Amino acid sequence: MTGRTTPPKGPAQGTRKDRLKVALKANMARRKAQARARADTDNGKTAGETQAPDKSEGN
């Protein structure tokens, strides 16, 4: 025999699912933040930058 056994089922399986769920949620949040940052830079802004008021006042 090669010594391979099937993974134990029960509590360990549930914790794995929980870890994967948390990792997926964090990954999706990171992807959304990256997409927002890309959209902002595509619009001419850098991440976190607000548009400054126009200082030209036709004096």
PDB file of N, CA and C in Angstrom:
ATOM      1  N   MET A   1       0.838  -1.190   0.000  1.00  0.00           N
ATOM      2  CA  MET A   1       0.000   0.000   0.000  1.00  0.00           C
ATOM      3  C   MET A   1       0.881   1.252   0.000  1.00  0.00           C
ATOM      4  N   THR A   2       0.357   2.307  -0.554  1.00  0.00           N
ATOM      5  CA  THR A   2       1.118   3.548  -0.663  1.00  0.00           C
ATOM      6  C   THR A   2       0.977   4.428   0.569  1.00  0.00           C
ATOM      7  N   GLY A   3       0.076   4.108   1.463  1.00  0.00           N
ATOM      8  CA  GLY A   3      -0.088   4.902   2.677  1.00  0.00           C
ATOM      9  C   GLY A   3      -1.070   6.047   2.537  1.00  0.00           C
ATOM     10  N   ARG A   4      -1.708   6.146   1.393  1.00  0.00           N
ATOM     11  CA  ARG A   4      -2.689   7.211   1.209  1.00  0.00           C
ATOM     12  C   ARG A   4      -3.987   6.854   1.907  1.00  0.00           C
ATOM     13  N   THR A   5      -4.530   7.832   2.557  1.00  0.00           N
ATOM     14  CA  THR A   5      -5.832   7.653   3.195  1.00  0.00           C
ATOM     15  C   THR A   5      -6.733   8.790   2.760  1.00  0.00           C
ATOM     16  N   THR A   6      -8.001   8.589   2.876  1.00  0.00           N
ATOM     17  CA  THR A   6      -8.925   9.663   2.542  1.00  0.00           C
ATOM     18  C   THR A   6      -8.893  10.697   3.658  1.00  0.00           C
ATOM     19  N   PRO A   7      -9.072  11.962   3.317  1.00  0.00           N
ATOM     20  CA  PRO A   7      -9.049  12.998   4.351  1.00  0.00           C
ATOM     21  C   PRO A   7     -10.188  12.788   5.343  1.00  0.00           C
ATOM     22  N   PRO A   8      -9.948  13.078   6.597  1.00  0.00           N
ATOM     23  CA  PRO A   8     -10.999  12.891   7.605  1.00  0.00           C
ATOM     24  C   PRO A   8     -12.150  13.855   7.365  1.00  0.00           C
ATOM     25  N   LYS A   9     -13.330  13.368   7.581  1.00  0.00           N
ATOM     26  CA  LYS A   9     -14.512  14.218   7.439  1.00  0.00           C
ATOM     27  C   LYS A   9     -14.982  14.599   8.833  1.00  0.00           C
ATOM     28  N   GLY A  10     -15.754  15.620   8.913  1.00  0.00           N
ATOM     29  CA  GLY A  10     -16.268  16.044  10.206  1.00  0.00           C
ATOM     30  C   GLY A  10     -15.862  17.470  10.496  1.00  0.00           C
ATOM     31  N   PRO A  11     -15.421  17.756  11.708  1.00  0.00           N
ATOM     32  CA  PRO A  11     -15.127  19.135  12.103  1.00  0.00           C
ATOM     33  C   PRO A  11     -14.028  19.778  11.257  1.00  0.00           C
ATOM     34  N   ALA A  12     -13.020  19.015  10.861  1.00  0.00           N
ATOM     35  CA  ALA A  12     -11.937  19.576  10.066  1.00  0.00           C
ATOM     36  C   ALA A  12     -12.460  20.048   8.713  1.00  0.00           C
ATOM     37  N   GLN A  13     -13.403  19.342   8.143  1.00  0.00           N
ATOM     38  CA  GLN A  13     -13.975  19.728   6.851  1.00  0.00           C
ATOM     39  C   GLN A  13     -14.724  21.055   6.983  1.00  0.00           C
ATOM     40  N   GLY A  14     -15.447  21.241   8.062  1.00  0.00           N
ATOM     41  CA  GLY A  14     -16.175  22.488   8.278  1.00  0.00           C
ATOM     42  C   GLY A  14     -15.241  23.669   8.443  1.00  0.00           C
ATOM     43  N   THR A  15     -14.142  23.496   9.134  1.00  0.00           N
ATOM     44  CA  THR A  15     -13.213  24.599   9.326  1.00  0.00           C
ATOM     45  C   THR A  15     -12.532  24.967   8.011  1.00  0.00           C
ATOM     46  N   ARG A  16     -12.295  23.984   7.160  1.00  0.00           N
ATOM     47  CA  ARG A  16     -11.703  24.259   5.854  1.00  0.00           C
ATOM     48  C   ARG A  16     -12.662  25.106   5.032  1.00  0.00           C
ATOM     49  N   LYS A  17     -13.933  24.744   5.055  1.00  0.00           N
ATOM     50  CA  LYS A  17     -14.931  25.522   4.317  1.00  0.00           C
ATOM     51  C   LYS A  17     -14.994  26.952   4.842  1.00  0.00           C
ATOM     52  N   ASP A  18     -14.923  27.104   6.151  1.00  0.00           N
ATOM     53  CA  ASP A  18     -14.957  28.441   6.740  1.00  0.00           C
ATOM     54  C   ASP A  18     -13.744  29.260   6.304  1.00  0.00           C
ATOM     55  N   ARG A  19     -12.556  28.632   6.316  1.00  0.00           N
ATOM     56  CA  ARG A  19     -11.338  29.329   5.886  1.00  0.00           C
ATOM     57  C   ARG A  19     -11.440  29.748   4.424  1.00  0.00           C
ATOM     58  N   LEU A  20     -11.955  28.857   3.586  1.00  0.00           N
ATOM     59  CA  LEU A  20     -12.091  29.182   2.169  1.00  0.00           C
ATOM     60  C   LEU A  20     -13.095  30.312   1.952  1.00  0.00           C
ATOM     61  N   LYS A  21     -14.174  30.298   2.726  1.00  0.00           N
ATOM     62  CA  LYS A  21     -15.187  31.347   2.601  1.00  0.00           C
ATOM     63  C   LYS A  21     -14.599  32.709   2.970  1.00  0.00           C
ATOM     64  N   VAL A  22     -13.829  32.748   4.052  1.00  0.00           N
ATOM     65  CA  VAL A  22     -13.213  34.000   4.486  1.00  0.00           C
ATOM     66  C   VAL A  22     -12.187  34.468   3.458  1.00  0.00           C
ATOM     67  N   ALA A  23     -11.391  33.545   2.935  1.00  0.00           N
ATOM     68  CA  ALA A  23     -10.382  33.908   1.941  1.00  0.00           C
ATOM     69  C   ALA A  23     -11.031  34.431   0.666  1.00  0.00           C
ATOM     70  N   LEU A  24     -12.125  33.811   0.244  1.00  0.00           N
ATOM     71  CA  LEU A  24     -12.831  34.257  -0.954  1.00  0.00           C
ATOM     72  C   LEU A  24     -13.402  35.651  -0.756  1.00  0.00           C
ATOM     73  N   LYS A  25     -13.964  35.901   0.408  1.00  0.00           N
ATOM     74  CA  LYS A  25     -14.544  37.219   0.697  1.00  0.00           C
ATOM     75  C   LYS A  25     -13.460  38.301   0.674  1.00  0.00           C
ATOM     76  N   ALA A  26     -12.300  38.005   1.268  1.00  0.00           N
ATOM     77  CA  ALA A  26     -11.193  38.965   1.276  1.00  0.00           C
ATOM     78  C   ALA A  26     -10.677  39.203  -0.141  1.00  0.00           C
ATOM     79  N   ASN A  27     -10.596  38.144  -0.932  1.00  0.00           N
ATOM     80  CA  ASN A  27     -10.126  38.258  -2.307  1.00  0.00           C
ATOM     81  C   ASN A  27     -11.074  39.126  -3.134  1.00  0.00           C
ATOM     82  N   MET A  28     -12.374  38.913  -2.965  1.00  0.00           N
ATOM     83  CA  MET A  28     -13.350  39.705  -3.717  1.00  0.00           C
ATOM     84  C   MET A  28     -13.278  41.184  -3.314  1.00  0.00           C
ATOM     85  N   ALA A  29     -13.100  41.450  -2.028  1.00  0.00           N
ATOM     86  CA  ALA A  29     -12.988  42.839  -1.566  1.00  0.00           C
ATOM     87  C   ALA A  29     -11.747  43.493  -2.162  1.00  0.00           C
ATOM     88  N   ARG A  30     -10.638  42.759  -2.210  1.00  0.00           N
ATOM     89  CA  ARG A  30      -9.405  43.284  -2.787  1.00  0.00           C
ATOM     90  C   ARG A  30      -9.582  43.557  -4.285  1.00  0.00           C
ATOM     91  N   ARG A  31     -10.242  42.654  -4.982  1.00  0.00           N
ATOM     92  CA  ARG A  31     -10.483  42.843  -6.420  1.00  0.00           C
ATOM     93  C   ARG A  31     -11.371  44.053  -6.680  1.00  0.00           C
ATOM     94  N   LYS A  32     -12.394  44.253  -5.854  1.00  0.00           N
ATOM     95  CA  LYS A  32     -13.272  45.410  -6.019  1.00  0.00           C
ATOM     96  C   LYS A  32     -12.500  46.706  -5.796  1.00  0.00           C
ATOM     97  N   ALA A  33     -11.634  46.724  -4.782  1.00  0.00           N
ATOM     98  CA  ALA A  33     -10.832  47.916  -4.514  1.00  0.00           C
ATOM     99  C   ALA A  33      -9.894  48.200  -5.679  1.00  0.00           C
ATOM    100  N   GLN A  34      -9.299  47.161  -6.250  1.00  0.00           N
ATOM    101  CA  GLN A  34      -8.418  47.348  -7.397  1.00  0.00           C
ATOM    102  C   GLN A  34      -9.198  47.871  -8.593  1.00  0.00           C
ATOM    103  N   ALA A  35     -10.392  47.349  -8.818  1.00  0.00           N
ATOM    104  CA  ALA A  35     -11.212  47.790  -9.943  1.00  0.00           C
ATOM    105  C   ALA A  35     -11.611  49.254  -9.771  1.00  0.00           C
ATOM    106  N   ARG A  36     -11.955  49.642  -8.537  1.00  0.00           N
ATOM    107  CA  ARG A  36     -12.303  51.043  -8.279  1.00  0.00           C
ATOM    108  C   ARG A  36     -11.102  51.952  -8.529  1.00  0.00           C
ATOM    109  N   ALA A  37      -9.926  51.518  -8.088  1.00  0.00           N
ATOM    110  CA  ALA A  37      -8.718  52.314  -8.287  1.00  0.00           C
ATOM    111  C   ALA A  37      -8.411  52.454  -9.775  1.00  0.00           C
ATOM    112  N   ARG A  38      -8.587  51.379 -10.530  1.00  0.00           N
ATOM    113  CA  ARG A  38      -8.354  51.439 -11.976  1.00  0.00           C
ATOM    114  C   ARG A  38      -9.360  52.375 -12.646  1.00  0.00           C
ATOM    115  N   ALA A  39     -10.602  52.320 -12.216  1.00  0.00           N
ATOM    116  CA  ALA A  39     -11.628  53.181 -12.798  1.00  0.00           C
ATOM    117  C   ALA A  39     -11.311  54.647 -12.502  1.00  0.00           C
ATOM    118  N   ASP A  40     -10.827  54.935 -11.299  1.00  0.00           N
ATOM    119  CA  ASP A  40     -10.475  56.309 -10.944  1.00  0.00           C
ATOM    120  C   ASP A  40      -9.311  56.812 -11.788  1.00  0.00           C
ATOM    121  N   THR A  41      -8.288  55.985 -11.986  1.00  0.00           N
ATOM    122  CA  THR A  41      -7.151  56.422 -12.786  1.00  0.00           C
ATOM    123  C   THR A  41      -7.533  56.532 -14.251  1.00  0.00           C
ATOM    124  N   ASP A  42      -8.463  55.729 -14.724  1.00  0.00           N
ATOM    125  CA  ASP A  42      -8.936  55.833 -16.105  1.00  0.00           C
ATOM    126  C   ASP A  42      -9.689  57.145 -16.316  1.00  0.00           C
ATOM    127  N   ASN A  43     -10.286  57.664 -15.276  1.00  0.00           N
ATOM    128  CA  ASN A  43     -11.040  58.922 -15.365  1.00  0.00           C
ATOM    129  C   ASN A  43     -10.155  60.138 -15.144  1.00  0.00           C
ATOM    130  N   GLY A  44      -8.843  59.940 -15.043  1.00  0.00           N
ATOM    131  CA  GLY A  44      -7.925  61.065 -14.880  1.00  0.00           C
ATOM    132  C   GLY A  44      -7.597  61.388 -13.437  1.00  0.00           C
ATOM    133  N   LYS A  45      -8.136  60.640 -12.506  1.00  0.00           N
ATOM    134  CA  LYS A  45      -7.844  60.868 -11.092  1.00  0.00           C
ATOM    135  C   LYS A  45      -6.925  59.772 -10.607  1.00  0.00           C
ATOM    136  N   THR A  46      -6.172  60.057  -9.571  1.00  0.00           N
ATOM    137  CA  THR A  46      -5.402  59.005  -8.925  1.00  0.00           C
ATOM    138  C   THR A  46      -6.190  58.533  -7.720  1.00  0.00           C
ATOM    139  N   ALA A  47      -5.863  57.371  -7.233  1.00  0.00           N
ATOM    140  CA  ALA A  47      -6.603  56.795  -6.099  1.00  0.00           C
ATOM    141  C   ALA A  47      -6.531  57.740  -4.896  1.00  0.00           C
ATOM    142  N   GLY A  48      -7.669  58.067  -4.323  1.00  0.00           N
ATOM    143  CA  GLY A  48      -7.721  58.903  -3.136  1.00  0.00           C
ATOM    144  C   GLY A  48      -7.694  60.398  -3.418  1.00  0.00           C
ATOM    145  N   GLU A  49      -7.615  60.786  -4.665  1.00  0.00           N
ATOM    146  CA  GLU A  49      -7.534  62.206  -5.011  1.00  0.00           C
ATOM    147  C   GLU A  49      -8.932  62.761  -5.251  1.00  0.00           C
ATOM    148  N   THR A  50      -9.189  63.935  -4.713  1.00  0.00           N
ATOM    149  CA  THR A  50     -10.464  64.597  -4.981  1.00  0.00           C
ATOM    150  C   THR A  50     -10.222  65.709  -5.979  1.00  0.00           C
ATOM    151  N   GLN A  51     -11.234  66.105  -6.689  1.00  0.00           N
ATOM    152  CA  GLN A  51     -11.081  67.138  -7.703  1.00  0.00           C
ATOM    153  C   GLN A  51     -11.023  68.504  -7.030  1.00  0.00           C
ATOM    154  N   ALA A  52      -9.975  69.258  -7.332  1.00  0.00           N
ATOM    155  CA  ALA A  52      -9.796  70.593  -6.766  1.00  0.00           C
ATOM    156  C   ALA A  52     -10.691  71.578  -7.515  1.00  0.00           C
ATOM    157  N   PRO A  53     -11.185  72.595  -6.813  1.00  0.00           N
ATOM    158  CA  PRO A  53     -12.026  73.592  -7.486  1.00  0.00           C
ATOM    159  C   PRO A  53     -11.208  74.375  -8.511  1.00  0.00           C
ATOM    160  N   ASP A  54     -11.857  74.860  -9.557  1.00  0.00           N
ATOM    161  CA  ASP A  54     -11.202  75.622 -10.604  1.00  0.00           C
ATOM    162  C   ASP A  54     -10.815  77.001 -10.057  1.00  0.00           C
ATOM    163  N   LYS A  55      -9.539  77.364 -10.197  1.00  0.00           N
ATOM    164  CA  LYS A  55      -9.049  78.624  -9.624  1.00  0.00           C
ATOM    165  C   LYS A  55      -9.069  79.775 -10.632  1.00  0.00           C
ATOM    166  N   SER A  56      -9.433  79.525 -11.866  1.00  0.00           N
ATOM    167  CA  SER A  56      -9.457  80.613 -12.855  1.00  0.00           C
ATOM    168  C   SER A  56     -10.786  81.364 -12.745  1.00  0.00           C
ATOM    169  N   GLU A  57     -10.717  82.616 -12.365  1.00  0.00           N
ATOM    170  CA  GLU A  57     -11.940  83.403 -12.136  1.00  0.00           C
ATOM    171  C   GLU A  57     -12.005  84.622 -13.042  1.00  0.00           C
ATOM    172  N   GLY A  58     -11.757  84.678 -14.212  1.00  0.00           N
ATOM    173  CA  GLY A  58     -11.887  85.784 -15.158  1.00  0.00           C
ATOM    174  C   GLY A  58     -11.839  87.184 -14.571  1.00  0.00           C
ATOM    175  N   ASN A  59     -10.808  87.590 -13.857  1.00  0.00           N
ATOM    176  CA  ASN A  59     -10.678  88.953 -13.280  1.00  0.00           C
ATOM    177  C   ASN A  59     -10.429  89.941 -14.324  1.00  0.00           C
TER     178      ASN A  59
END
